């Protein structure tokens, strides 16, 4: 297991956890989101290949439309 911080909250994830699986688990698949990992934006094109590591700090922001 690895420990990561998501929006300031600590979470335990499997060693093999990746960004795409995390997004799916959070119910955000298909939504407009921005994801920052350790201070750097992760491009959507890399979500499927980015693995998470113990101690990663993630910030996930969901875009909300209005009018």
C-alpha atoms as a PDB file:
ATOM      1  CA  UNK A   1       0.000   0.000   0.000  1.00  0.00           C
ATOM      2  CA  UNK A   2       1.038   3.590  -0.629  1.00  0.00           C
ATOM      3  CA  UNK A   3      -0.100   6.734   1.150  1.00  0.00           C
ATOM      4  CA  UNK A   4      -1.009   9.796  -0.909  1.00  0.00           C
ATOM      5  CA  UNK A   5      -2.619  13.123  -0.090  1.00  0.00           C
ATOM      6  CA  UNK A   6      -5.622  14.084  -2.228  1.00  0.00           C
ATOM      7  CA  UNK A   7      -6.842  17.655  -1.738  1.00  0.00           C
ATOM      8  CA  UNK A   8      -5.270  17.618   1.729  1.00  0.00           C
ATOM      9  CA  UNK A   9      -6.759  14.285   2.853  1.00  0.00           C
ATOM     10  CA  UNK A  10      -4.609  11.177   3.343  1.00  0.00           C
ATOM     11  CA  UNK A  11      -5.604   8.046   1.411  1.00  0.00           C
ATOM     12  CA  UNK A  12      -4.232   4.502   1.268  1.00  0.00           C
ATOM     13  CA  UNK A  13      -4.028   3.058  -2.257  1.00  0.00           C
ATOM     14  CA  UNK A  14      -2.660  -0.174  -3.765  1.00  0.00           C
ATOM     15  CA  UNK A  15       1.014  -0.100  -4.795  1.00  0.00           C
ATOM     16  CA  UNK A  16       0.031  -0.316  -8.454  1.00  0.00           C
ATOM     17  CA  UNK A  17      -2.369   2.662  -8.316  1.00  0.00           C
ATOM     18  CA  UNK A  18      -2.305   5.054 -11.238  1.00  0.00           C
ATOM     19  CA  UNK A  19      -3.888   8.384 -12.030  1.00  0.00           C
ATOM     20  CA  UNK A  20      -6.549   6.902 -14.366  1.00  0.00           C
ATOM     21  CA  UNK A  21      -7.660   4.347 -11.757  1.00  0.00           C
ATOM     22  CA  UNK A  22      -7.823   7.036  -9.084  1.00  0.00           C
ATOM     23  CA  UNK A  23      -9.979   9.262 -11.278  1.00  0.00           C
ATOM     24  CA  UNK A  24     -12.308   6.345 -11.970  1.00  0.00           C
ATOM     25  CA  UNK A  25     -12.504   5.454  -8.270  1.00  0.00           C
ATOM     26  CA  UNK A  26     -13.374   9.065  -7.446  1.00  0.00           C
ATOM     27  CA  UNK A  27     -16.234   8.967  -9.984  1.00  0.00           C
ATOM     28  CA  UNK A  28     -14.653  11.647 -12.158  1.00  0.00           C
ATOM     29  CA  UNK A  29     -14.236   9.710 -15.400  1.00  0.00           C
ATOM     30  CA  UNK A  30     -15.386  11.841 -18.337  1.00  0.00           C
ATOM     31  CA  UNK A  31     -15.592  15.034 -16.282  1.00  0.00           C
ATOM     32  CA  UNK A  32     -13.523  18.140 -16.922  1.00  0.00           C
ATOM     33  CA  UNK A  33     -10.833  18.036 -14.275  1.00  0.00           C
ATOM     34  CA  UNK A  34      -7.356  19.358 -13.646  1.00  0.00           C
ATOM     35  CA  UNK A  35      -4.926  17.220 -11.689  1.00  0.00           C
ATOM     36  CA  UNK A  36      -1.750  18.460 -10.052  1.00  0.00           C
ATOM     37  CA  UNK A  37       0.825  15.964  -8.760  1.00  0.00           C
ATOM     38  CA  UNK A  38       3.546  17.268  -6.465  1.00  0.00           C
ATOM     39  CA  UNK A  39       3.130  20.800  -7.771  1.00  0.00           C
ATOM     40  CA  UNK A  40       3.045  19.932 -11.481  1.00  0.00           C
ATOM     41  CA  UNK A  41      -0.007  19.684 -13.737  1.00  0.00           C
ATOM     42  CA  UNK A  42      -0.503  16.203 -15.194  1.00  0.00           C
ATOM     43  CA  UNK A  43      -1.735  16.491 -18.804  1.00  0.00           C
ATOM     44  CA  UNK A  44      -4.890  14.486 -19.510  1.00  0.00           C
ATOM     45  CA  UNK A  45      -2.955  12.597 -22.211  1.00  0.00           C
ATOM     46  CA  UNK A  46      -0.738  11.113 -19.468  1.00  0.00           C
ATOM     47  CA  UNK A  47      -3.473  10.021 -17.044  1.00  0.00           C
ATOM     48  CA  UNK A  48      -3.407   6.424 -18.337  1.00  0.00           C
ATOM     49  CA  UNK A  49       0.369   6.028 -17.912  1.00  0.00           C
ATOM     50  CA  UNK A  50       1.085   7.942 -14.689  1.00  0.00           C
ATOM     51  CA  UNK A  51       1.652   5.681 -11.671  1.00  0.00           C
ATOM     52  CA  UNK A  52       1.304   7.101  -8.180  1.00  0.00           C
ATOM     53  CA  UNK A  53       4.068   6.833  -5.581  1.00  0.00           C
ATOM     54  CA  UNK A  54       4.123   6.822  -1.805  1.00  0.00           C
ATOM     55  CA  UNK A  55       3.980  10.385  -0.493  1.00  0.00           C
ATOM     56  CA  UNK A  56       2.511  11.962  -3.643  1.00  0.00           C
ATOM     57  CA  UNK A  57       0.507  15.130  -3.047  1.00  0.00           C
ATOM     58  CA  UNK A  58      -2.416  15.478  -5.443  1.00  0.00           C
ATOM     59  CA  UNK A  59      -4.817  18.322  -6.016  1.00  0.00           C
ATOM     60  CA  UNK A  60      -7.910  17.525  -8.091  1.00  0.00           C
ATOM     61  CA  UNK A  61     -10.144  20.317  -9.342  1.00  0.00           C
ATOM     62  CA  UNK A  62     -13.436  19.732 -11.157  1.00  0.00           C
ATOM     63  CA  UNK A  63     -14.568  22.396 -13.619  1.00  0.00           C
ATOM     64  CA  UNK A  64     -18.115  23.581 -12.983  1.00  0.00           C
ATOM     65  CA  UNK A  65     -20.064  25.368 -15.674  1.00  0.00           C
ATOM     66  CA  UNK A  66     -22.696  27.963 -15.076  1.00  0.00           C
ATOM     67  CA  UNK A  67     -24.531  30.640 -16.804  1.00  0.00           C
END
